[in-house]
Protein backbone atom coordinates (compact mmCIF):
# COMPACT_ATOMS: atom_id res chain seq x y z
CA MET A 1 159.32 132.79 -29.08
CA THR A 2 160.02 131.86 -25.61
CA GLN A 3 161.34 134.24 -23.04
CA GLU A 4 162.50 133.61 -19.86
CA LEU A 5 160.29 136.69 -17.49
CA ASN A 6 163.65 136.83 -15.04
CA ARG A 7 162.08 136.57 -11.88
CA PRO A 8 163.54 134.08 -9.18
CA GLN A 9 160.57 131.45 -10.50
CA ALA A 10 162.39 130.72 -13.63
CA THR A 11 159.33 131.60 -15.30
CA ALA A 12 158.82 131.59 -18.88
CA ALA A 13 156.19 132.72 -21.20
CA ARG A 14 155.85 131.48 -24.99
CA ALA A 15 154.54 133.05 -27.94
CA VAL A 16 153.81 131.31 -31.38
CA VAL A 17 152.36 133.70 -34.29
CA PHE A 18 151.24 132.31 -37.68
CA GLU A 19 150.25 134.27 -40.35
CA GLN A 20 148.44 134.08 -43.84
CA GLY A 21 147.93 137.64 -45.57
CA SER A 22 146.70 139.85 -42.94
CA ASN A 23 145.33 137.49 -40.43
CA HIS A 24 146.70 136.13 -37.16
CA LEU A 25 146.90 133.51 -34.97
CA VAL A 26 148.71 134.41 -31.69
CA LEU A 27 149.40 131.44 -29.05
CA VAL A 28 150.75 132.68 -26.26
CA SER A 29 151.86 130.40 -22.99
CA ILE A 30 152.97 131.08 -19.54
CA ASP A 31 154.26 129.48 -16.39
CA ASN A 32 151.25 130.14 -14.18
CA LEU A 33 148.34 128.47 -12.12
CA GLY A 34 146.02 130.04 -14.71
CA PHE A 35 143.82 133.08 -15.13
CA TYR A 36 142.14 133.72 -12.28
CA SER A 37 140.17 136.93 -10.60
CA GLY A 38 139.65 137.97 -13.66
CA THR A 39 143.15 138.43 -14.92
CA ALA A 40 142.41 136.99 -18.83
CA ASP A 41 140.44 140.26 -19.49
CA PRO A 42 142.91 143.09 -19.18
CA LEU A 43 146.28 140.68 -20.09
CA ARG A 44 144.58 140.30 -23.16
CA LYS A 45 143.31 143.87 -23.79
CA ALA A 46 146.94 144.80 -23.16
CA ILE A 47 148.19 142.93 -25.58
CA LEU A 48 145.36 143.19 -27.98
CA ASP A 49 145.80 146.77 -27.64
CA ALA A 50 149.18 147.06 -28.26
CA CYS A 51 149.75 144.67 -30.45
CA ARG A 52 147.19 145.45 -32.80
CA LEU A 53 145.45 142.22 -33.07
CA GLN A 54 141.73 141.14 -33.23
CA PRO A 55 140.18 139.30 -30.39
CA SER A 56 139.75 136.03 -32.43
CA GLU A 57 143.21 136.48 -32.82
CA LEU A 58 144.94 135.53 -29.68
CA PHE A 59 144.84 132.80 -27.60
CA LEU A 60 146.50 132.46 -23.54
CA CYS A 61 146.74 129.37 -21.62
CA ALA A 62 148.87 128.88 -18.39
CA ILE A 63 150.75 125.48 -18.00
CA HIS A 64 149.13 125.32 -14.57
CA THR A 65 152.18 125.42 -12.21
CA HIS A 66 152.19 126.02 -9.05
CA SER A 67 155.54 127.51 -8.59
CA ALA A 68 154.88 130.79 -9.83
CA PRO A 69 152.99 133.53 -8.34
CA THR A 70 148.95 133.81 -8.45
CA LEU A 71 148.13 136.47 -10.99
CA THR A 72 145.53 138.89 -9.29
CA LEU A 73 145.31 142.95 -10.28
CA SER A 74 143.57 143.95 -7.10
CA THR A 75 144.81 143.58 -3.37
CA GLU A 76 141.31 142.62 -1.90
CA LYS A 77 141.98 139.20 -3.94
CA GLY A 78 145.49 139.13 -3.54
CA HIS A 79 148.91 140.06 -1.77
CA PRO A 80 149.97 143.37 -2.81
CA ASN A 81 153.02 140.99 -4.58
CA ASN A 82 151.07 139.37 -6.73
CA VAL A 83 149.69 142.86 -8.16
CA GLU A 84 153.00 144.17 -8.81
CA TYR A 85 153.98 140.67 -10.57
CA SER A 86 150.66 140.33 -12.75
CA LYS A 87 151.28 144.33 -13.80
CA TRP A 88 154.88 143.76 -14.84
CA LEU A 89 153.50 140.57 -16.53
CA GLN A 90 151.50 142.09 -18.68
CA GLY A 91 153.97 144.31 -19.37
CA LYS A 92 156.56 141.60 -20.71
CA LEU A 93 153.52 139.28 -22.47
CA ILE A 94 153.24 142.32 -24.55
CA GLU A 95 156.82 142.23 -25.07
CA VAL A 96 156.88 138.65 -25.93
CA VAL A 97 154.17 138.71 -28.54
CA ARG A 98 155.73 141.90 -30.32
CA ASN A 99 159.31 140.10 -30.57
CA ALA A 100 157.02 137.13 -32.26
CA LEU A 101 155.00 139.25 -34.31
CA GLU A 102 158.17 140.72 -35.14
CA ARG A 103 160.35 138.01 -35.88
CA LEU A 104 157.82 135.81 -38.50
CA ALA A 105 159.58 133.70 -40.85
CA PRO A 106 158.26 131.06 -42.99
CA VAL A 107 157.07 127.89 -41.46
CA GLN A 108 155.57 124.11 -42.72
CA VAL A 109 153.65 123.10 -40.11
CA GLY A 110 152.49 119.28 -39.61
CA ILE A 111 150.50 117.04 -37.79
CA GLY A 112 150.97 113.13 -36.13
CA SER A 113 149.66 111.33 -33.47
CA GLY A 114 151.21 108.40 -31.06
CA SER A 115 150.59 106.92 -27.46
CA SER A 116 152.12 107.01 -24.65
CA PRO A 117 151.71 103.20 -22.83
CA LEU A 118 152.89 105.41 -19.19
CA ALA A 119 150.62 107.74 -19.53
CA ARG A 120 147.66 105.09 -18.85
CA THR A 121 145.97 105.70 -15.72
CA CYS A 122 146.30 101.77 -15.21
CA ASP A 123 147.87 99.46 -11.86
CA TRP A 124 151.61 99.15 -13.31
CA ARG A 125 153.65 96.89 -11.64
CA LYS A 126 157.87 96.51 -11.97
CA LYS A 127 158.68 92.71 -13.26
CA PRO A 128 161.39 91.28 -11.64
CA SER A 129 163.64 91.76 -14.55
CA GLY A 130 163.33 95.55 -14.04
CA CYS A 131 160.96 95.95 -17.18
CA TRP A 132 157.68 97.63 -16.29
CA GLN A 133 154.20 96.00 -17.00
CA ASN A 134 150.86 96.93 -16.72
CA CYS A 135 149.12 94.58 -14.22
CA GLY A 136 145.65 96.02 -15.06
CA ARG A 137 145.55 95.02 -18.76
CA SER A 138 146.77 91.25 -17.64
CA ALA A 139 145.36 87.77 -16.82
CA ILE A 140 147.05 87.99 -13.74
CA ALA A 141 145.30 87.49 -10.27
CA LYS A 142 146.43 89.82 -7.35
């Protein structure tokens, strides 16, 4: 379940829920820098209480974007607008998780692996042909 958070920053929160018997695994990802200034525990507690989850059933993750407000629940640690946003976000995260819990459906889960040569940290150069080659792995002297 992905839900736009309806803010000018065009941020979103995503939740996926897996259920086996009475056990849940709830994964929540938000477009934010991270959970700093003591925000993770209060956000987790609000979701756990509102959705009746066990602490081991909830995982929060931020994608580490610099395009969203910094989370804080204290005006001593951040701007009042950031406090307002963080409290608003708490309610939205509860809503996203509740929606995901209410919309459970059977799924098939699989895994895979692969690689991408463009994701390597090395020296890439463009060939005259327009194709890219990894000069760091060739015998060409610079």
